[in-house]
């Protein structure tokens, strides 16, 4: 499982394991967790900037309930053994 370091707005870094990624309605999403095994906290992140020549992407936590439900359903289908929300 790939581990990625994210820089927060506060200039602190946090690392997450990427469980899966998907594209829905033209938007890129990743499902991340704070632990490699077992029950951990999971977040669905949406890419808010795309390939503009930068090596780094910017992500934000999906907070809209409708969008979150739709993307969580896609991730549940992709992972089969994971239940979100």
PDB file of N, CA and C in Angstrom:
ATOM      1  N   UNK A   1       0.851  -1.170   0.000  1.00  0.00           N
ATOM      2  CA  UNK A   1       0.000   0.000   0.000  1.00  0.00           C
ATOM      3  C   UNK A   1       0.899   1.236   0.000  1.00  0.00           C
ATOM      4  N   UNK A   2       0.601   2.162  -0.886  1.00  0.00           N
ATOM      5  CA  UNK A   2       1.412   3.364  -1.034  1.00  0.00           C
ATOM      6  C   UNK A   2       1.119   4.370   0.088  1.00  0.00           C
ATOM      7  N   UNK A   3       2.172   4.972   0.617  1.00  0.00           N
ATOM      8  CA  UNK A   3       2.042   5.990   1.655  1.00  0.00           C
ATOM      9  C   UNK A   3       2.484   7.326   1.063  1.00  0.00           C
ATOM     10  N   UNK A   4       1.636   8.343   1.259  1.00  0.00           N
ATOM     11  CA  UNK A   4       1.920   9.666   0.700  1.00  0.00           C
ATOM     12  C   UNK A   4       1.935  10.703   1.812  1.00  0.00           C
ATOM     13  N   UNK A   5       2.873  11.632   1.694  1.00  0.00           N
ATOM     14  CA  UNK A   5       2.966  12.733   2.654  1.00  0.00           C
ATOM     15  C   UNK A   5       2.199  13.930   2.116  1.00  0.00           C
ATOM     16  N   UNK A   6       1.325  14.480   2.942  1.00  0.00           N
ATOM     17  CA  UNK A   6       0.534  15.658   2.593  1.00  0.00           C
ATOM     18  C   UNK A   6       1.001  16.829   3.442  1.00  0.00           C
ATOM     19  N   UNK A   7       1.110  17.992   2.821  1.00  0.00           N
ATOM     20  CA  UNK A   7       1.420  19.222   3.547  1.00  0.00           C
ATOM     21  C   UNK A   7       0.115  19.936   3.843  1.00  0.00           C
ATOM     22  N   UNK A   8      -0.111  20.239   5.099  1.00  0.00           N
ATOM     23  CA  UNK A   8      -1.329  20.914   5.518  1.00  0.00           C
ATOM     24  C   UNK A   8      -1.171  22.423   5.343  1.00  0.00           C
ATOM     25  N   UNK A   9      -2.281  23.145   5.429  1.00  0.00           N
ATOM     26  CA  UNK A   9      -2.244  24.606   5.343  1.00  0.00           C
ATOM     27  C   UNK A   9      -1.350  25.212   6.421  1.00  0.00           C
ATOM     28  N   UNK A  10      -1.195  24.500   7.526  1.00  0.00           N
ATOM     29  CA  UNK A  10      -0.375  24.974   8.650  1.00  0.00           C
ATOM     30  C   UNK A  10       1.105  24.671   8.440  1.00  0.00           C
ATOM     31  N   UNK A  11       1.461  24.142   7.253  1.00  0.00           N
ATOM     32  CA  UNK A  11       2.821  23.769   6.881  1.00  0.00           C
ATOM     33  C   UNK A  11       3.346  22.566   7.669  1.00  0.00           C
ATOM     34  N   UNK A  12       2.438  21.847   8.337  1.00  0.00           N
ATOM     35  CA  UNK A  12       2.798  20.592   8.975  1.00  0.00           C
ATOM     36  C   UNK A  12       2.525  19.481   7.968  1.00  0.00           C
ATOM     37  N   UNK A  13       3.227  18.371   8.101  1.00  0.00           N
ATOM     38  CA  UNK A  13       2.981  17.266   7.189  1.00  0.00           C
ATOM     39  C   UNK A  13       2.286  16.121   7.923  1.00  0.00           C
ATOM     40  N   UNK A  14       1.505  15.374   7.171  1.00  0.00           N
ATOM     41  CA  UNK A  14       0.812  14.199   7.682  1.00  0.00           C
ATOM     42  C   UNK A  14       0.893  13.132   6.593  1.00  0.00           C
ATOM     43  N   UNK A  15       1.037  11.881   7.012  1.00  0.00           N
ATOM     44  CA  UNK A  15       1.146  10.802   6.040  1.00  0.00           C
ATOM     45  C   UNK A  15      -0.100   9.928   6.082  1.00  0.00           C
ATOM     46  N   UNK A  16      -0.560   9.545   4.904  1.00  0.00           N
ATOM     47  CA  UNK A  16      -1.710   8.660   4.765  1.00  0.00           C
ATOM     48  C   UNK A  16      -1.353   7.529   3.808  1.00  0.00           C
ATOM     49  N   UNK A  17      -2.006   6.399   4.024  1.00  0.00           N
ATOM     50  CA  UNK A  17      -1.915   5.280   3.097  1.00  0.00           C
ATOM     51  C   UNK A  17      -3.047   5.416   2.092  1.00  0.00           C
ATOM     52  N   UNK A  18      -2.734   5.269   0.827  1.00  0.00           N
ATOM     53  CA  UNK A  18      -3.742   5.370  -0.225  1.00  0.00           C
ATOM     54  C   UNK A  18      -4.328   3.984  -0.460  1.00  0.00           C
ATOM     55  N   UNK A  19      -5.631   3.851  -0.202  1.00  0.00           N
ATOM     56  CA  UNK A  19      -6.321   2.577  -0.390  1.00  0.00           C
ATOM     57  C   UNK A  19      -6.786   2.389  -1.827  1.00  0.00           C
ATOM     58  N   UNK A  20      -7.279   3.466  -2.431  1.00  0.00           N
ATOM     59  CA  UNK A  20      -7.842   3.372  -3.782  1.00  0.00           C
ATOM     60  C   UNK A  20      -7.978   4.768  -4.360  1.00  0.00           C
ATOM     61  N   UNK A  21      -8.101   4.829  -5.669  1.00  0.00           N
ATOM     62  CA  UNK A  21      -8.377   6.095  -6.347  1.00  0.00           C
ATOM     63  C   UNK A  21      -9.418   5.844  -7.423  1.00  0.00           C
ATOM     64  N   UNK A  22     -10.166   6.879  -7.751  1.00  0.00           N
ATOM     65  CA  UNK A  22     -11.179   6.766  -8.790  1.00  0.00           C
ATOM     66  C   UNK A  22     -11.447   8.138  -9.392  1.00  0.00           C
ATOM     67  N   UNK A  23     -12.087   8.124 -10.527  1.00  0.00           N
ATOM     68  CA  UNK A  23     -12.499   9.357 -11.192  1.00  0.00           C
ATOM     69  C   UNK A  23     -14.010   9.291 -11.346  1.00  0.00           C
ATOM     70  N   UNK A  24     -14.696  10.351 -10.957  1.00  0.00           N
ATOM     71  CA  UNK A  24     -16.151  10.412 -11.019  1.00  0.00           C
ATOM     72  C   UNK A  24     -16.563  11.805 -11.483  1.00  0.00           C
ATOM     73  N   UNK A  25     -17.359  11.855 -12.521  1.00  0.00           N
ATOM     74  CA  UNK A  25     -17.835  13.133 -13.089  1.00  0.00           C
ATOM     75  C   UNK A  25     -16.695  14.108 -13.377  1.00  0.00           C
ATOM     76  N   UNK A  26     -15.595  13.563 -13.864  1.00  0.00           N
ATOM     77  CA  UNK A  26     -14.452  14.393 -14.236  1.00  0.00           C
ATOM     78  C   UNK A  26     -13.551  14.800 -13.092  1.00  0.00           C
ATOM     79  N   UNK A  27     -13.865  14.376 -11.880  1.00  0.00           N
ATOM     80  CA  UNK A  27     -13.046  14.713 -10.708  1.00  0.00           C
ATOM     81  C   UNK A  27     -12.280  13.492 -10.228  1.00  0.00           C
ATOM     82  N   UNK A  28     -11.052  13.707  -9.787  1.00  0.00           N
ATOM     83  CA  UNK A  28     -10.198  12.649  -9.260  1.00  0.00           C
ATOM     84  C   UNK A  28     -10.346  12.587  -7.742  1.00  0.00           C
ATOM     85  N   UNK A  29     -10.551  11.376  -7.194  1.00  0.00           N
ATOM     86  CA  UNK A  29     -10.704  11.171  -5.754  1.00  0.00           C
ATOM     87  C   UNK A  29      -9.737  10.090  -5.285  1.00  0.00           C
ATOM     88  N   UNK A  30      -9.281  10.222  -4.041  1.00  0.00           N
ATOM     89  CA  UNK A  30      -8.501   9.161  -3.429  1.00  0.00           C
ATOM     90  C   UNK A  30      -9.080   8.848  -2.054  1.00  0.00           C
ATOM     91  N   UNK A  31      -9.021   7.585  -1.696  1.00  0.00           N
ATOM     92  CA  UNK A  31      -9.447   7.117  -0.382  1.00  0.00           C
ATOM     93  C   UNK A  31      -8.185   6.837   0.405  1.00  0.00           C
ATOM     94  N   UNK A  32      -8.013   7.527   1.533  1.00  0.00           N
ATOM     95  CA  UNK A  32      -6.801   7.390   2.336  1.00  0.00           C
ATOM     96  C   UNK A  32      -7.163   6.983   3.760  1.00  0.00           C
ATOM     97  N   UNK A  33      -6.190   6.370   4.434  1.00  0.00           N
ATOM     98  CA  UNK A  33      -6.370   5.981   5.825  1.00  0.00           C
ATOM     99  C   UNK A  33      -5.086   6.272   6.594  1.00  0.00           C
ATOM    100  N   UNK A  34      -5.221   6.364   7.904  1.00  0.00           N
ATOM    101  CA  UNK A  34      -4.065   6.687   8.735  1.00  0.00           C
ATOM    102  C   UNK A  34      -3.316   5.450   9.223  1.00  0.00           C
ATOM    103  N   UNK A  35      -3.841   4.257   8.957  1.00  0.00           N
ATOM    104  CA  UNK A  35      -3.198   3.037   9.406  1.00  0.00           C
ATOM    105  C   UNK A  35      -3.171   2.018   8.270  1.00  0.00           C
ATOM    106  N   UNK A  36      -2.110   1.225   8.220  1.00  0.00           N
ATOM    107  CA  UNK A  36      -1.961   0.275   7.129  1.00  0.00           C
ATOM    108  C   UNK A  36      -2.873  -0.938   7.296  1.00  0.00           C
ATOM    109  N   UNK A  37      -3.124  -1.353   8.532  1.00  0.00           N
ATOM    110  CA  UNK A  37      -3.966  -2.521   8.774  1.00  0.00           C
ATOM    111  C   UNK A  37      -4.969  -2.219   9.879  1.00  0.00           C
ATOM    112  N   UNK A  38      -6.074  -2.955   9.877  1.00  0.00           N
ATOM    113  CA  UNK A  38      -7.070  -2.789  10.924  1.00  0.00           C
ATOM    114  C   UNK A  38      -7.995  -1.620  10.672  1.00  0.00           C
ATOM    115  N   UNK A  39      -8.772  -1.305  11.698  1.00  0.00           N
ATOM    116  CA  UNK A  39      -9.726  -0.206  11.596  1.00  0.00           C
ATOM    117  C   UNK A  39      -9.029   1.108  11.901  1.00  0.00           C
ATOM    118  N   UNK A  40      -8.979   1.967  10.929  1.00  0.00           N
ATOM    119  CA  UNK A  40      -8.396   3.288  11.110  1.00  0.00           C
ATOM    120  C   UNK A  40      -9.366   4.330  10.605  1.00  0.00           C
ATOM    121  N   UNK A  41      -8.979   5.559  10.722  1.00  0.00           N
ATOM    122  CA  UNK A  41      -9.787   6.647  10.180  1.00  0.00           C
ATOM    123  C   UNK A  41      -9.517   6.758   8.685  1.00  0.00           C
ATOM    124  N   UNK A  42     -10.583   6.933   7.914  1.00  0.00           N
ATOM    125  CA  UNK A  42     -10.461   7.064   6.468  1.00  0.00           C
ATOM    126  C   UNK A  42     -11.036   8.402   6.030  1.00  0.00           C
ATOM    127  N   UNK A  43     -10.464   8.946   4.982  1.00  0.00           N
ATOM    128  CA  UNK A  43     -10.925  10.194   4.393  1.00  0.00           C
ATOM    129  C   UNK A  43     -11.033  10.022   2.888  1.00  0.00           C
ATOM    130  N   UNK A  44     -11.998  10.681   2.303  1.00  0.00           N
ATOM    131  CA  UNK A  44     -12.082  10.761   0.850  1.00  0.00           C
ATOM    132  C   UNK A  44     -11.634  12.163   0.475  1.00  0.00           C
ATOM    133  N   UNK A  45     -10.603  12.222  -0.347  1.00  0.00           N
ATOM    134  CA  UNK A  45     -10.032  13.498  -0.766  1.00  0.00           C
ATOM    135  C   UNK A  45     -10.280  13.715  -2.247  1.00  0.00           C
ATOM    136  N   UNK A  46     -10.565  14.955  -2.607  1.00  0.00           N
ATOM    137  CA  UNK A  46     -10.838  15.343  -3.988  1.00  0.00           C
ATOM    138  C   UNK A  46      -9.700  16.224  -4.477  1.00  0.00           C
ATOM    139  N   UNK A  47      -9.192  15.902  -5.660  1.00  0.00           N
ATOM    140  CA  UNK A  47      -8.151  16.727  -6.256  1.00  0.00           C
ATOM    141  C   UNK A  47      -8.785  18.028  -6.745  1.00  0.00           C
ATOM    142  N   UNK A  48      -8.272  19.153  -6.276  1.00  0.00           N
ATOM    143  CA  UNK A  48      -8.859  20.441  -6.652  1.00  0.00           C
ATOM    144  C   UNK A  48      -8.015  21.190  -7.668  1.00  0.00           C
ATOM    145  N   UNK A  49      -6.820  20.716  -7.938  1.00  0.00           N
ATOM    146  CA  UNK A  49      -6.015  21.256  -9.034  1.00  0.00           C
ATOM    147  C   UNK A  49      -5.504  20.086  -9.839  1.00  0.00           C
ATOM    148  N   UNK A  50      -5.385  20.277 -11.118  1.00  0.00           N
ATOM    149  CA  UNK A  50      -4.959  19.181 -11.976  1.00  0.00           C
ATOM    150  C   UNK A  50      -3.626  19.492 -12.630  1.00  0.00           C
ATOM    151  N   UNK A  51      -3.267  18.649 -13.578  1.00  0.00           N
ATOM    152  CA  UNK A  51      -1.969  18.719 -14.240  1.00  0.00           C
ATOM    153  C   UNK A  51      -1.672  20.041 -14.905  1.00  0.00           C
ATOM    154  N   UNK A  52      -1.251  21.002 -14.140  1.00  0.00           N
ATOM    155  CA  UNK A  52      -0.883  22.297 -14.693  1.00  0.00           C
ATOM    156  C   UNK A  52       0.630  22.441 -14.752  1.00  0.00           C
ATOM    157  N   UNK A  53       1.326  21.301 -14.874  1.00  0.00           N
ATOM    158  CA  UNK A  53       2.771  21.333 -14.941  1.00  0.00           C
ATOM    159  C   UNK A  53       3.447  21.185 -13.596  1.00  0.00           C
ATOM    160  N   UNK A  54       2.683  21.234 -12.520  1.00  0.00           N
ATOM    161  CA  UNK A  54       3.253  21.076 -11.190  1.00  0.00           C
ATOM    162  C   UNK A  54       3.360  19.599 -10.853  1.00  0.00           C
ATOM    163  N   UNK A  55       4.373  19.247 -10.103  1.00  0.00           N
ATOM    164  CA  UNK A  55       4.571  17.855  -9.700  1.00  0.00           C
ATOM    165  C   UNK A  55       3.637  17.478  -8.560  1.00  0.00           C
ATOM    166  N   UNK A  56       3.101  18.460  -7.868  1.00  0.00           N
ATOM    167  CA  UNK A  56       2.263  18.204  -6.709  1.00  0.00           C
ATOM    168  C   UNK A  56       0.804  18.535  -6.999  1.00  0.00           C
ATOM    169  N   UNK A  57      -0.084  17.758  -6.391  1.00  0.00           N
ATOM    170  CA  UNK A  57      -1.516  18.005  -6.507  1.00  0.00           C
ATOM    171  C   UNK A  57      -2.020  18.597  -5.203  1.00  0.00           C
ATOM    172  N   UNK A  58      -3.155  19.263  -5.271  1.00  0.00           N
ATOM    173  CA  UNK A  58      -3.799  19.815  -4.089  1.00  0.00           C
ATOM    174  C   UNK A  58      -5.111  19.067  -3.895  1.00  0.00           C
ATOM    175  N   UNK A  59      -5.335  18.584  -2.657  1.00  0.00           N
ATOM    176  CA  UNK A  59      -6.535  17.830  -2.327  1.00  0.00           C
ATOM    177  C   UNK A  59      -7.270  18.499  -1.182  1.00  0.00           C
ATOM    178  N   UNK A  60      -8.585  18.303  -1.177  1.00  0.00           N
ATOM    179  CA  UNK A  60      -9.389  18.765  -0.050  1.00  0.00           C
ATOM    180  C   UNK A  60     -10.312  17.623   0.368  1.00  0.00           C
ATOM    181  N   UNK A  61     -10.679  17.607   1.631  1.00  0.00           N
ATOM    182  CA  UNK A  61     -11.576  16.589   2.159  1.00  0.00           C
ATOM    183  C   UNK A  61     -12.969  16.824   1.588  1.00  0.00           C
ATOM    184  N   UNK A  62     -13.600  15.766   1.096  1.00  0.00           N
ATOM    185  CA  UNK A  62     -14.963  15.869   0.569  1.00  0.00           C
ATOM    186  C   UNK A  62     -15.912  16.020   1.754  1.00  0.00           C
ATOM    187  N   UNK A  63     -16.632  17.120   1.801  1.00  0.00           N
ATOM    188  CA  UNK A  63     -17.532  17.385   2.923  1.00  0.00           C
ATOM    189  C   UNK A  63     -19.000  17.473   2.519  1.00  0.00           C
ATOM    190  N   UNK A  64     -19.282  17.657   1.235  1.00  0.00           N
ATOM    191  CA  UNK A  64     -20.659  17.699   0.758  1.00  0.00           C
ATOM    192  C   UNK A  64     -21.261  16.298   0.880  1.00  0.00           C
ATOM    193  N   UNK A  65     -22.374  16.174   1.611  1.00  0.00           N
ATOM    194  CA  UNK A  65     -22.972  14.867   1.897  1.00  0.00           C
ATOM    195  C   UNK A  65     -23.360  14.095   0.636  1.00  0.00           C
ATOM    196  N   UNK A  66     -23.910  14.759  -0.346  1.00  0.00           N
ATOM    197  CA  UNK A  66     -24.325  14.087  -1.579  1.00  0.00           C
ATOM    198  C   UNK A  66     -23.115  13.559  -2.341  1.00  0.00           C
ATOM    199  N   UNK A  67     -22.104  14.401  -2.492  1.00  0.00           N
ATOM    200  CA  UNK A  67     -20.882  14.007  -3.181  1.00  0.00           C
ATOM    201  C   UNK A  67     -20.174  12.885  -2.415  1.00  0.00           C
ATOM    202  N   UNK A  68     -20.111  13.024  -1.086  1.00  0.00           N
ATOM    203  CA  UNK A  68     -19.453  12.023  -0.250  1.00  0.00           C
ATOM    204  C   UNK A  68     -20.127  10.662  -0.379  1.00  0.00           C
ATOM    205  N   UNK A  69     -21.441  10.650  -0.358  1.00  0.00           N
ATOM    206  CA  UNK A  69     -22.197   9.404  -0.479  1.00  0.00           C
ATOM    207  C   UNK A  69     -21.954   8.736  -1.833  1.00  0.00           C
ATOM    208  N   UNK A  70     -21.949   9.506  -2.897  1.00  0.00           N
ATOM    209  CA  UNK A  70     -21.729   8.964  -4.237  1.00  0.00           C
ATOM    210  C   UNK A  70     -20.335   8.367  -4.377  1.00  0.00           C
ATOM    211  N   UNK A  71     -19.327   9.096  -3.929  1.00  0.00           N
ATOM    212  CA  UNK A  71     -17.950   8.624  -4.051  1.00  0.00           C
ATOM    213  C   UNK A  71     -17.695   7.441  -3.114  1.00  0.00           C
ATOM    214  N   UNK A  72     -18.256   7.473  -1.912  1.00  0.00           N
ATOM    215  CA  UNK A  72     -18.104   6.356  -0.983  1.00  0.00           C
ATOM    216  C   UNK A  72     -18.684   5.086  -1.582  1.00  0.00           C
ATOM    217  N   UNK A  73     -19.807   5.189  -2.276  1.00  0.00           N
ATOM    218  CA  UNK A  73     -20.403   4.033  -2.935  1.00  0.00           C
ATOM    219  C   UNK A  73     -19.489   3.436  -3.992  1.00  0.00           C
ATOM    220  N   UNK A  74     -18.819   4.290  -4.747  1.00  0.00           N
ATOM    221  CA  UNK A  74     -17.873   3.814  -5.764  1.00  0.00           C
ATOM    222  C   UNK A  74     -16.713   3.083  -5.090  1.00  0.00           C
ATOM    223  N   UNK A  75     -16.162   3.668  -4.033  1.00  0.00           N
ATOM    224  CA  UNK A  75     -15.048   3.024  -3.334  1.00  0.00           C
ATOM    225  C   UNK A  75     -15.469   1.696  -2.700  1.00  0.00           C
ATOM    226  N   UNK A  76     -16.679   1.629  -2.153  1.00  0.00           N
ATOM    227  CA  UNK A  76     -17.157   0.372  -1.573  1.00  0.00           C
ATOM    228  C   UNK A  76     -17.251  -0.711  -2.641  1.00  0.00           C
ATOM    229  N   UNK A  77     -17.701  -0.361  -3.842  1.00  0.00           N
ATOM    230  CA  UNK A  77     -17.760  -1.327  -4.942  1.00  0.00           C
ATOM    231  C   UNK A  77     -16.365  -1.762  -5.389  1.00  0.00           C
ATOM    232  N   UNK A  78     -15.429  -0.828  -5.424  1.00  0.00           N
ATOM    233  CA  UNK A  78     -14.074  -1.160  -5.845  1.00  0.00           C
ATOM    234  C   UNK A  78     -13.360  -2.063  -4.844  1.00  0.00           C
ATOM    235  N   UNK A  79     -13.599  -1.832  -3.563  1.00  0.00           N
ATOM    236  CA  UNK A  79     -12.868  -2.561  -2.537  1.00  0.00           C
ATOM    237  C   UNK A  79     -13.626  -3.775  -1.992  1.00  0.00           C
ATOM    238  N   UNK A  80     -14.898  -3.866  -2.193  1.00  0.00           N
ATOM    239  CA  UNK A  80     -15.766  -4.962  -1.805  1.00  0.00           C
ATOM    240  C   UNK A  80     -15.753  -5.324  -0.330  1.00  0.00           C
ATOM    241  N   UNK A  81     -14.605  -5.368   0.322  1.00  0.00           N
ATOM    242  CA  UNK A  81     -14.544  -5.763   1.733  1.00  0.00           C
ATOM    243  C   UNK A  81     -14.498  -4.561   2.686  1.00  0.00           C
ATOM    244  N   UNK A  82     -14.749  -3.360   2.146  1.00  0.00           N
ATOM    245  CA  UNK A  82     -14.697  -2.137   2.943  1.00  0.00           C
ATOM    246  C   UNK A  82     -16.071  -1.484   2.964  1.00  0.00           C
ATOM    247  N   UNK A  83     -16.508  -1.081   4.155  1.00  0.00           N
ATOM    248  CA  UNK A  83     -17.763  -0.356   4.272  1.00  0.00           C
ATOM    249  C   UNK A  83     -17.458   1.048   4.786  1.00  0.00           C
ATOM    250  N   UNK A  84     -17.900   2.048   4.051  1.00  0.00           N
ATOM    251  CA  UNK A  84     -17.659   3.444   4.421  1.00  0.00           C
ATOM    252  C   UNK A  84     -18.948   4.079   4.884  1.00  0.00           C
ATOM    253  N   UNK A  85     -18.817   5.132   5.672  1.00  0.00           N
ATOM    254  CA  UNK A  85     -19.916   5.938   6.205  1.00  0.00           C
ATOM    255  C   UNK A  85     -20.709   5.215   7.209  1.00  0.00           C
TER     256      UNK A  85
END
